[in-house]
Amino acid sequence: LPENFNSPYLSRSVTEFWRRWHITLSTWLRD
């Protein structure tokens, strides 16, 4: 299964946060 988190609270921007938090949902919303 795909990874869904990548240390989101270590992000340097909210844009980066959404690349690290609930990754499968954020990519769904993007696409």
PDB file of all heavy atoms in Angstrom:
ATOM      1  N   LEU A   1       0.846  -1.190   0.000  1.00  0.00           N
ATOM      2  CA  LEU A   1       0.000   0.000   0.000  1.00  0.00           C
ATOM      3  C   LEU A   1       0.888   1.248   0.000  1.00  0.00           C
ATOM      4  O   LEU A   1       2.014   1.216   0.502  1.00  0.00           O
ATOM      5  CB  LEU A   1      -0.910   0.025   1.227  1.00  0.00           C
ATOM      6  CG  LEU A   1      -1.957  -1.086   1.358  1.00  0.00           C
ATOM      7  CD1 LEU A   1      -2.899  -0.776   2.513  1.00  0.00           C
ATOM      8  CD2 LEU A   1      -2.733  -1.278   0.079  1.00  0.00           C
ATOM      9  N   PRO A   2       0.387   2.366  -0.537  1.00  0.00           N
ATOM     10  CA  PRO A   2       1.205   3.588  -0.575  1.00  0.00           C
ATOM     11  C   PRO A   2       1.386   4.197   0.805  1.00  0.00           C
ATOM     12  O   PRO A   2       0.519   4.061   1.680  1.00  0.00           O
ATOM     13  CB  PRO A   2       0.386   4.519  -1.484  1.00  0.00           C
ATOM     14  CG  PRO A   2      -1.020   4.037  -1.354  1.00  0.00           C
ATOM     15  CD  PRO A   2      -0.929   2.556  -1.180  1.00  0.00           C
ATOM     16  N   GLU A   3       2.516   4.853   0.993  1.00  0.00           N
ATOM     17  CA  GLU A   3       2.750   5.592   2.234  1.00  0.00           C
ATOM     18  C   GLU A   3       1.830   6.807   2.278  1.00  0.00           C
ATOM     19  O   GLU A   3       1.520   7.419   1.253  1.00  0.00           O
ATOM     20  CB  GLU A   3       4.205   6.050   2.323  1.00  0.00           C
ATOM     21  CG  GLU A   3       5.210   4.909   2.404  1.00  0.00           C
ATOM     22  CD  GLU A   3       5.131   4.147   3.717  1.00  0.00           C
ATOM     23  OE1 GLU A   3       4.584   4.703   4.694  1.00  0.00           O
ATOM     24  OE2 GLU A   3       5.622   3.001   3.763  1.00  0.00           O
ATOM     25  N   ASN A   4       1.397   7.164   3.491  1.00  0.00           N
ATOM     26  CA  ASN A   4       0.437   8.265   3.626  1.00  0.00           C
ATOM     27  C   ASN A   4       0.978   9.445   4.418  1.00  0.00           C
ATOM     28  O   ASN A   4       0.365  10.509   4.434  1.00  0.00           O
ATOM     29  CB  ASN A   4      -0.840   7.745   4.290  1.00  0.00           C
ATOM     30  CG  ASN A   4      -2.093   8.416   3.770  1.00  0.00           C
ATOM     31  OD1 ASN A   4      -2.096   8.960   2.669  1.00  0.00           O
ATOM     32  ND2 ASN A   4      -3.154   8.374   4.550  1.00  0.00           N
ATOM     33  N   PHE A   5       2.136   9.262   5.085  1.00  0.00           N
ATOM     34  CA  PHE A   5       2.712  10.336   5.892  1.00  0.00           C
ATOM     35  C   PHE A   5       4.226  10.332   5.738  1.00  0.00           C
ATOM     36  O   PHE A   5       4.834   9.276   5.586  1.00  0.00           O
ATOM     37  CB  PHE A   5       2.352  10.160   7.376  1.00  0.00           C
ATOM     38  CG  PHE A   5       0.907  10.382   7.677  1.00  0.00           C
ATOM     39  CD1 PHE A   5       0.010   9.323   7.621  1.00  0.00           C
ATOM     40  CD2 PHE A   5       0.432  11.635   7.995  1.00  0.00           C
ATOM     41  CE1 PHE A   5      -1.328   9.513   7.881  1.00  0.00           C
ATOM     42  CE2 PHE A   5      -0.901  11.845   8.255  1.00  0.00           C
ATOM     43  CZ  PHE A   5      -1.789  10.776   8.196  1.00  0.00           C
ATOM     44  N   ASN A   6       4.793  11.540   5.791  1.00  0.00           N
ATOM     45  CA  ASN A   6       6.245  11.680   5.696  1.00  0.00           C
ATOM     46  C   ASN A   6       6.685  12.852   6.576  1.00  0.00           C
ATOM     47  O   ASN A   6       7.016  13.925   6.086  1.00  0.00           O
ATOM     48  CB  ASN A   6       6.670  11.907   4.241  1.00  0.00           C
ATOM     49  CG  ASN A   6       8.171  12.038   4.087  1.00  0.00           C
ATOM     50  OD1 ASN A   6       8.936  11.611   4.947  1.00  0.00           O
ATOM     51  ND2 ASN A   6       8.607  12.654   3.004  1.00  0.00           N
ATOM     52  N   SER A   7       6.647  12.640   7.886  1.00  0.00           N
ATOM     53  CA  SER A   7       7.052  13.663   8.873  1.00  0.00           C
ATOM     54  C   SER A   7       6.451  15.031   8.537  1.00  0.00           C
ATOM     55  O   SER A   7       7.180  16.005   8.314  1.00  0.00           O
ATOM     56  CB  SER A   7       8.579  13.761   8.941  1.00  0.00           C
ATOM     57  OG  SER A   7       9.154  12.522   9.279  1.00  0.00           O
ATOM     58  N   PRO A   8       5.106  15.150   8.512  1.00  0.00           N
ATOM     59  CA  PRO A   8       4.482  16.391   8.017  1.00  0.00           C
ATOM     60  C   PRO A   8       4.777  17.629   8.844  1.00  0.00           C
ATOM     61  O   PRO A   8       4.831  18.738   8.300  1.00  0.00           O
ATOM     62  CB  PRO A   8       2.985  16.055   8.038  1.00  0.00           C
ATOM     63  CG  PRO A   8       2.854  14.930   9.009  1.00  0.00           C
ATOM     64  CD  PRO A   8       4.106  14.135   8.893  1.00  0.00           C
ATOM     65  N   TYR A   9       4.989  17.477  10.161  1.00  0.00           N
ATOM     66  CA  TYR A   9       5.207  18.659  10.992  1.00  0.00           C
ATOM     67  C   TYR A   9       6.627  19.213  10.880  1.00  0.00           C
ATOM     68  O   TYR A   9       6.951  20.214  11.533  1.00  0.00           O
ATOM     69  CB  TYR A   9       4.885  18.356  12.450  1.00  0.00           C
ATOM     70  CG  TYR A   9       3.406  18.161  12.707  1.00  0.00           C
ATOM     71  CD1 TYR A   9       2.968  17.298  13.698  1.00  0.00           C
ATOM     72  CD2 TYR A   9       2.449  18.833  11.957  1.00  0.00           C
ATOM     73  CE1 TYR A   9       1.611  17.112  13.943  1.00  0.00           C
ATOM     74  CE2 TYR A   9       1.103  18.655  12.183  1.00  0.00           C
ATOM     75  CZ  TYR A   9       0.683  17.791  13.172  1.00  0.00           C
ATOM     76  OH  TYR A   9      -0.656  17.608  13.406  1.00  0.00           O
ATOM     77  N   LEU A  10       7.457  18.584  10.067  1.00  0.00           N
ATOM     78  CA  LEU A  10       8.783  19.137   9.792  1.00  0.00           C
ATOM     79  C   LEU A  10       8.796  19.906   8.476  1.00  0.00           C
ATOM     80  O   LEU A  10       9.858  20.241   7.957  1.00  0.00           O
ATOM     81  CB  LEU A  10       9.821  18.004   9.762  1.00  0.00           C
ATOM     82  CG  LEU A  10       9.950  17.188  11.049  1.00  0.00           C
ATOM     83  CD1 LEU A  10      11.022  16.114  10.896  1.00  0.00           C
ATOM     84  CD2 LEU A  10      10.263  18.095  12.244  1.00  0.00           C
ATOM     85  N   SER A  11       7.616  20.206   7.950  1.00  0.00           N
ATOM     86  CA  SER A  11       7.497  20.947   6.686  1.00  0.00           C
ATOM     87  C   SER A  11       7.835  22.417   6.891  1.00  0.00           C
ATOM     88  O   SER A  11       7.564  22.997   7.942  1.00  0.00           O
ATOM     89  CB  SER A  11       6.073  20.830   6.136  1.00  0.00           C
ATOM     90  OG  SER A  11       5.698  19.487   5.984  1.00  0.00           O
ATOM     91  N   ARG A  12       8.394  23.028   5.842  1.00  0.00           N
ATOM     92  CA  ARG A  12       8.773  24.438   5.896  1.00  0.00           C
ATOM     93  C   ARG A  12       7.714  25.357   5.311  1.00  0.00           C
ATOM     94  O   ARG A  12       7.898  26.576   5.294  1.00  0.00           O
ATOM     95  CB  ARG A  12      10.104  24.651   5.172  1.00  0.00           C
ATOM     96  CG  ARG A  12      11.303  24.010   5.857  1.00  0.00           C
ATOM     97  CD  ARG A  12      12.534  24.108   4.999  1.00  0.00           C
ATOM     98  NE  ARG A  12      12.359  23.347   3.770  1.00  0.00           N
ATOM     99  CZ  ARG A  12      13.148  23.451   2.709  1.00  0.00           C
ATOM    100  NH1 ARG A  12      14.156  24.297   2.728  1.00  0.00           N
ATOM    101  NH2 ARG A  12      12.923  22.725   1.643  1.00  0.00           N
ATOM    102  N   SER A  13       6.616  24.811   4.832  1.00  0.00           N
ATOM    103  CA  SER A  13       5.505  25.602   4.307  1.00  0.00           C
ATOM    104  C   SER A  13       4.259  24.732   4.334  1.00  0.00           C
ATOM    105  O   SER A  13       4.350  23.497   4.431  1.00  0.00           O
ATOM    106  CB  SER A  13       5.786  26.080   2.884  1.00  0.00           C
ATOM    107  OG  SER A  13       5.799  24.976   1.982  1.00  0.00           O
ATOM    108  N   VAL A  14       3.089  25.356   4.237  1.00  0.00           N
ATOM    109  CA  VAL A  14       1.848  24.584   4.198  1.00  0.00           C
ATOM    110  C   VAL A  14       1.766  23.799   2.894  1.00  0.00           C
ATOM    111  O   VAL A  14       1.198  22.700   2.854  1.00  0.00           O
ATOM    112  CB  VAL A  14       0.635  25.511   4.374  1.00  0.00           C
ATOM    113  CG1 VAL A  14      -0.669  24.726   4.263  1.00  0.00           C
ATOM    114  CG2 VAL A  14       0.697  26.206   5.738  1.00  0.00           C
ATOM    115  N   THR A  15       2.338  24.332   1.813  1.00  0.00           N
ATOM    116  CA  THR A  15       2.395  23.587   0.560  1.00  0.00           C
ATOM    117  C   THR A  15       3.152  22.272   0.759  1.00  0.00           C
ATOM    118  O   THR A  15       2.705  21.206   0.330  1.00  0.00           O
ATOM    119  CB  THR A  15       3.079  24.421  -0.531  1.00  0.00           C
ATOM    120  OG1 THR A  15       2.355  25.641  -0.714  1.00  0.00           O
ATOM    121  CG2 THR A  15       3.134  23.658  -1.846  1.00  0.00           C
ATOM    122  N   GLU A  16       4.300  22.354   1.427  1.00  0.00           N
ATOM    123  CA  GLU A  16       5.070  21.137   1.707  1.00  0.00           C
ATOM    124  C   GLU A  16       4.325  20.236   2.683  1.00  0.00           C
ATOM    125  O   GLU A  16       4.376  19.001   2.571  1.00  0.00           O
ATOM    126  CB  GLU A  16       6.438  21.514   2.279  1.00  0.00           C
ATOM    127  CG  GLU A  16       7.360  20.323   2.498  1.00  0.00           C
ATOM    128  CD  GLU A  16       8.706  20.719   3.086  1.00  0.00           C
ATOM    129  OE1 GLU A  16       9.020  21.928   3.129  1.00  0.00           O
ATOM    130  OE2 GLU A  16       9.431  19.805   3.525  1.00  0.00           O
ATOM    131  N   PHE A  17       3.609  20.839   3.629  1.00  0.00           N
ATOM    132  CA  PHE A  17       2.836  20.056   4.583  1.00  0.00           C
ATOM    133  C   PHE A  17       1.853  19.135   3.859  1.00  0.00           C
ATOM    134  O   PHE A  17       1.730  17.951   4.200  1.00  0.00           O
ATOM    135  CB  PHE A  17       2.076  20.995   5.524  1.00  0.00           C
ATOM    136  CG  PHE A  17       1.077  20.309   6.424  1.00  0.00           C
ATOM    137  CD1 PHE A  17       1.489  19.671   7.575  1.00  0.00           C
ATOM    138  CD2 PHE A  17      -0.280  20.311   6.100  1.00  0.00           C
ATOM    139  CE1 PHE A  17       0.566  19.039   8.408  1.00  0.00           C
ATOM    140  CE2 PHE A  17      -1.208  19.677   6.916  1.00  0.00           C
ATOM    141  CZ  PHE A  17      -0.785  19.044   8.079  1.00  0.00           C
ATOM    142  N   TRP A  18       1.183  19.657   2.830  1.00  0.00           N
ATOM    143  CA  TRP A  18       0.207  18.846   2.110  1.00  0.00           C
ATOM    144  C   TRP A  18       0.860  17.845   1.171  1.00  0.00           C
ATOM    145  O   TRP A  18       0.181  16.963   0.650  1.00  0.00           O
ATOM    146  CB  TRP A  18      -0.782  19.730   1.372  1.00  0.00           C
ATOM    147  CG  TRP A  18      -1.852  20.198   2.309  1.00  0.00           C
ATOM    148  CD1 TRP A  18      -1.965  21.422   2.885  1.00  0.00           C
ATOM    149  CD2 TRP A  18      -2.927  19.416   2.820  1.00  0.00           C
ATOM    150  NE1 TRP A  18      -3.049  21.462   3.725  1.00  0.00           N
ATOM    151  CE2 TRP A  18      -3.665  20.237   3.696  1.00  0.00           C
ATOM    152  CE3 TRP A  18      -3.342  18.096   2.632  1.00  0.00           C
ATOM    153  CZ2 TRP A  18      -4.789  19.777   4.379  1.00  0.00           C
ATOM    154  CZ3 TRP A  18      -4.463  17.645   3.308  1.00  0.00           C
ATOM    155  CH2 TRP A  18      -5.177  18.485   4.168  1.00  0.00           C
ATOM    156  N   ARG A  19       2.150  17.942   0.958  1.00  0.00           N
ATOM    157  CA  ARG A  19       2.866  16.889   0.240  1.00  0.00           C
ATOM    158  C   ARG A  19       3.286  15.765   1.190  1.00  0.00           C
ATOM    159  O   ARG A  19       3.718  14.710   0.741  1.00  0.00           O
ATOM    160  CB  ARG A  19       4.114  17.459  -0.439  1.00  0.00           C
ATOM    161  CG  ARG A  19       3.801  18.469  -1.540  1.00  0.00           C
ATOM    162  CD  ARG A  19       5.057  18.875  -2.273  1.00  0.00           C
ATOM    163  NE  ARG A  19       4.789  19.944  -3.230  1.00  0.00           N
ATOM    164  CZ  ARG A  19       5.421  21.099  -3.270  1.00  0.00           C
ATOM    165  NH1 ARG A  19       6.405  21.328  -2.407  1.00  0.00           N
ATOM    166  NH2 ARG A  19       5.122  22.014  -4.167  1.00  0.00           N
ATOM    167  N   ARG A  20       3.172  16.025   2.503  1.00  0.00           N
ATOM    168  CA  ARG A  20       3.622  15.051   3.500  1.00  0.00           C
ATOM    169  C   ARG A  20       2.474  14.506   4.353  1.00  0.00           C
ATOM    170  O   ARG A  20       2.627  13.485   5.009  1.00  0.00           O
ATOM    171  CB  ARG A  20       4.640  15.718   4.447  1.00  0.00           C
ATOM    172  CG  ARG A  20       5.969  16.109   3.805  1.00  0.00           C
ATOM    173  CD  ARG A  20       6.713  17.038   4.751  1.00  0.00           C
ATOM    174  NE  ARG A  20       8.093  17.290   4.359  1.00  0.00           N
ATOM    175  CZ  ARG A  20       9.161  16.847   5.016  1.00  0.00           C
ATOM    176  NH1 ARG A  20       9.004  16.108   6.098  1.00  0.00           N
ATOM    177  NH2 ARG A  20      10.368  17.123   4.623  1.00  0.00           N
ATOM    178  N   TRP A  21       1.345  15.224   4.405  1.00  0.00           N
ATOM    179  CA  TRP A  21       0.220  14.839   5.257  1.00  0.00           C
ATOM    180  C   TRP A  21      -0.877  14.199   4.401  1.00  0.00           C
ATOM    181  O   TRP A  21      -1.274  14.767   3.390  1.00  0.00           O
ATOM    182  CB  TRP A  21      -0.344  16.062   5.988  1.00  0.00           C
ATOM    183  CG  TRP A  21      -1.606  15.779   6.739  1.00  0.00           C
ATOM    184  CD1 TRP A  21      -2.883  15.760   6.250  1.00  0.00           C
ATOM    185  CD2 TRP A  21      -1.724  15.446   8.129  1.00  0.00           C
ATOM    186  NE1 TRP A  21      -3.784  15.445   7.223  1.00  0.00           N
ATOM    187  CE2 TRP A  21      -3.094  15.244   8.397  1.00  0.00           C
ATOM    188  CE3 TRP A  21      -0.799  15.310   9.161  1.00  0.00           C
ATOM    189  CZ2 TRP A  21      -3.567  14.910   9.663  1.00  0.00           C
ATOM    190  CZ3 TRP A  21      -1.269  14.979  10.415  1.00  0.00           C
ATOM    191  CH2 TRP A  21      -2.633  14.791  10.661  1.00  0.00           C
ATOM    192  N   HIS A  22      -1.384  13.036   4.836  1.00  0.00           N
ATOM    193  CA  HIS A  22      -2.452  12.332   4.124  1.00  0.00           C
ATOM    194  C   HIS A  22      -2.192  12.421   2.615  1.00  0.00           C
ATOM    195  O   HIS A  22      -2.992  12.941   1.840  1.00  0.00           O
ATOM    196  CB  HIS A  22      -3.807  12.950   4.471  1.00  0.00           C
ATOM    197  CG  HIS A  22      -4.969  12.017   4.262  1.00  0.00           C
ATOM    198  ND1 HIS A  22      -4.860  10.848   3.523  1.00  0.00           N
ATOM    199  CD2 HIS A  22      -6.265  12.082   4.655  1.00  0.00           C
ATOM    200  CE1 HIS A  22      -6.041  10.248   3.497  1.00  0.00           C
ATOM    201  NE2 HIS A  22      -6.909  10.963   4.182  1.00  0.00           N
ATOM    202  N   ILE A  23      -1.046  11.896   2.226  1.00  0.00           N
ATOM    203  CA  ILE A  23      -0.525  12.079   0.871  1.00  0.00           C
ATOM    204  C   ILE A  23      -1.513  11.579  -0.178  1.00  0.00           C
ATOM    205  O   ILE A  23      -1.699  12.209  -1.226  1.00  0.00           O
ATOM    206  CB  ILE A  23       0.828  11.354   0.725  1.00  0.00           C
ATOM    207  CG1 ILE A  23       1.850  11.960   1.699  1.00  0.00           C
ATOM    208  CG2 ILE A  23       1.347  11.430  -0.702  1.00  0.00           C
ATOM    209  CD1 ILE A  23       3.114  11.142   1.844  1.00  0.00           C
ATOM    210  N   THR A  24      -2.171  10.464   0.087  1.00  0.00           N
ATOM    211  CA  THR A  24      -3.076   9.905  -0.919  1.00  0.00           C
ATOM    212  C   THR A  24      -4.311  10.784  -1.116  1.00  0.00           C
ATOM    213  O   THR A  24      -4.856  10.853  -2.214  1.00  0.00           O
ATOM    214  CB  THR A  24      -3.513   8.483  -0.527  1.00  0.00           C
ATOM    215  OG1 THR A  24      -4.085   8.494   0.798  1.00  0.00           O
ATOM    216  CG2 THR A  24      -2.315   7.532  -0.539  1.00  0.00           C
ATOM    217  N   LEU A  25      -4.778  11.466  -0.058  1.00  0.00           N
ATOM    218  CA  LEU A  25      -5.899  12.393  -0.228  1.00  0.00           C
ATOM    219  C   LEU A  25      -5.451  13.658  -0.939  1.00  0.00           C
ATOM    220  O   LEU A  25      -6.151  14.154  -1.837  1.00  0.00           O
ATOM    221  CB  LEU A  25      -6.511  12.748   1.127  1.00  0.00           C
ATOM    222  CG  LEU A  25      -7.612  13.812   1.066  1.00  0.00           C
ATOM    223  CD1 LEU A  25      -8.818  13.324   0.271  1.00  0.00           C
ATOM    224  CD2 LEU A  25      -8.035  14.251   2.466  1.00  0.00           C
ATOM    225  N   SER A  26      -4.306  14.219  -0.547  1.00  0.00           N
ATOM    226  CA  SER A  26      -3.851  15.472  -1.162  1.00  0.00           C
ATOM    227  C   SER A  26      -3.575  15.293  -2.648  1.00  0.00           C
ATOM    228  O   SER A  26      -3.868  16.180  -3.458  1.00  0.00           O
ATOM    229  CB  SER A  26      -2.613  16.014  -0.435  1.00  0.00           C
ATOM    230  OG  SER A  26      -1.549  15.091  -0.484  1.00  0.00           O
ATOM    231  N   THR A  27      -3.031  14.125  -3.053  1.00  0.00           N
ATOM    232  CA  THR A  27      -2.828  13.886  -4.484  1.00  0.00           C
ATOM    233  C   THR A  27      -4.155  13.689  -5.201  1.00  0.00           C
ATOM    234  O   THR A  27      -4.310  14.100  -6.356  1.00  0.00           O
ATOM    235  CB  THR A  27      -1.926  12.656  -4.711  1.00  0.00           C
ATOM    236  OG1 THR A  27      -2.472  11.530  -4.018  1.00  0.00           O
ATOM    237  CG2 THR A  27      -0.520  12.917  -4.224  1.00  0.00           C
ATOM    238  N   TRP A  28      -5.128  13.073  -4.520  1.00  0.00           N
ATOM    239  CA  TRP A  28      -6.464  12.934  -5.110  1.00  0.00           C
ATOM    240  C   TRP A  28      -7.088  14.306  -5.343  1.00  0.00           C
ATOM    241  O   TRP A  28      -7.627  14.589  -6.421  1.00  0.00           O
ATOM    242  CB  TRP A  28      -7.362  12.098  -4.183  1.00  0.00           C
ATOM    243  CG  TRP A  28      -8.596  11.541  -4.838  1.00  0.00           C
ATOM    244  CD1 TRP A  28      -8.763  10.303  -5.353  1.00  0.00           C
ATOM    245  CD2 TRP A  28      -9.841  12.233  -5.043  1.00  0.00           C
ATOM    246  NE1 TRP A  28     -10.039  10.167  -5.863  1.00  0.00           N
ATOM    247  CE2 TRP A  28     -10.722  11.339  -5.688  1.00  0.00           C
ATOM    248  CE3 TRP A  28     -10.293  13.523  -4.748  1.00  0.00           C
ATOM    249  CZ2 TRP A  28     -12.025  11.678  -6.039  1.00  0.00           C
ATOM    250  CZ3 TRP A  28     -11.591  13.870  -5.114  1.00  0.00           C
ATOM    251  CH2 TRP A  28     -12.443  12.964  -5.736  1.00  0.00           C
ATOM    252  N   LEU A  29      -7.020  15.174  -4.328  1.00  0.00           N
ATOM    253  CA  LEU A  29      -7.566  16.529  -4.468  1.00  0.00           C
ATOM    254  C   LEU A  29      -6.850  17.288  -5.575  1.00  0.00           C
ATOM    255  O   LEU A  29      -7.482  18.017  -6.354  1.00  0.00           O
ATOM    256  CB  LEU A  29      -7.431  17.280  -3.142  1.00  0.00           C
ATOM    257  CG  LEU A  29      -8.266  16.764  -1.967  1.00  0.00           C
ATOM    258  CD1 LEU A  29      -7.881  17.503  -0.688  1.00  0.00           C
ATOM    259  CD2 LEU A  29      -9.752  16.925  -2.249  1.00  0.00           C
ATOM    260  N   ARG A  30      -5.545  17.111  -5.666  1.00  0.00           N
ATOM    261  CA  ARG A  30      -4.775  17.795  -6.712  1.00  0.00           C
ATOM    262  C   ARG A  30      -5.187  17.316  -8.101  1.00  0.00           C
ATOM    263  O   ARG A  30      -5.457  18.127  -9.003  1.00  0.00           O
ATOM    264  CB  ARG A  30      -3.287  17.544  -6.495  1.00  0.00           C
ATOM    265  CG  ARG A  30      -2.369  18.200  -7.520  1.00  0.00           C
ATOM    266  CD  ARG A  30      -0.998  17.554  -7.483  1.00  0.00           C
ATOM    267  NE  ARG A  30      -1.052  16.153  -7.913  1.00  0.00           N
ATOM    268  CZ  ARG A  30      -0.088  15.261  -7.659  1.00  0.00           C
ATOM    269  NH1 ARG A  30       0.976  15.607  -6.965  1.00  0.00           N
ATOM    270  NH2 ARG A  30      -0.213  14.017  -8.100  1.00  0.00           N
ATOM    271  N   ASP A  31      -5.256  15.999  -8.287  1.00  0.00           N
ATOM    272  CA  ASP A  31      -5.494  15.440  -9.618  1.00  0.00           C
ATOM    273  C   ASP A  31      -6.925  15.626 -10.091  1.00  0.00           C
ATOM    274  O   ASP A  31      -7.165  15.845 -11.283  1.00  0.00           O
ATOM    275  CB  ASP A  31      -5.148  13.949  -9.627  1.00  0.00           C
ATOM    276  CG  ASP A  31      -3.658  13.698  -9.416  1.00  0.00           C
ATOM    277  OD1 ASP A  31      -2.872  14.657  -9.539  1.00  0.00           O
ATOM    278  OD2 ASP A  31      -3.294  12.546  -9.109  1.00  0.00           O
TER     279      ASP A  31
END
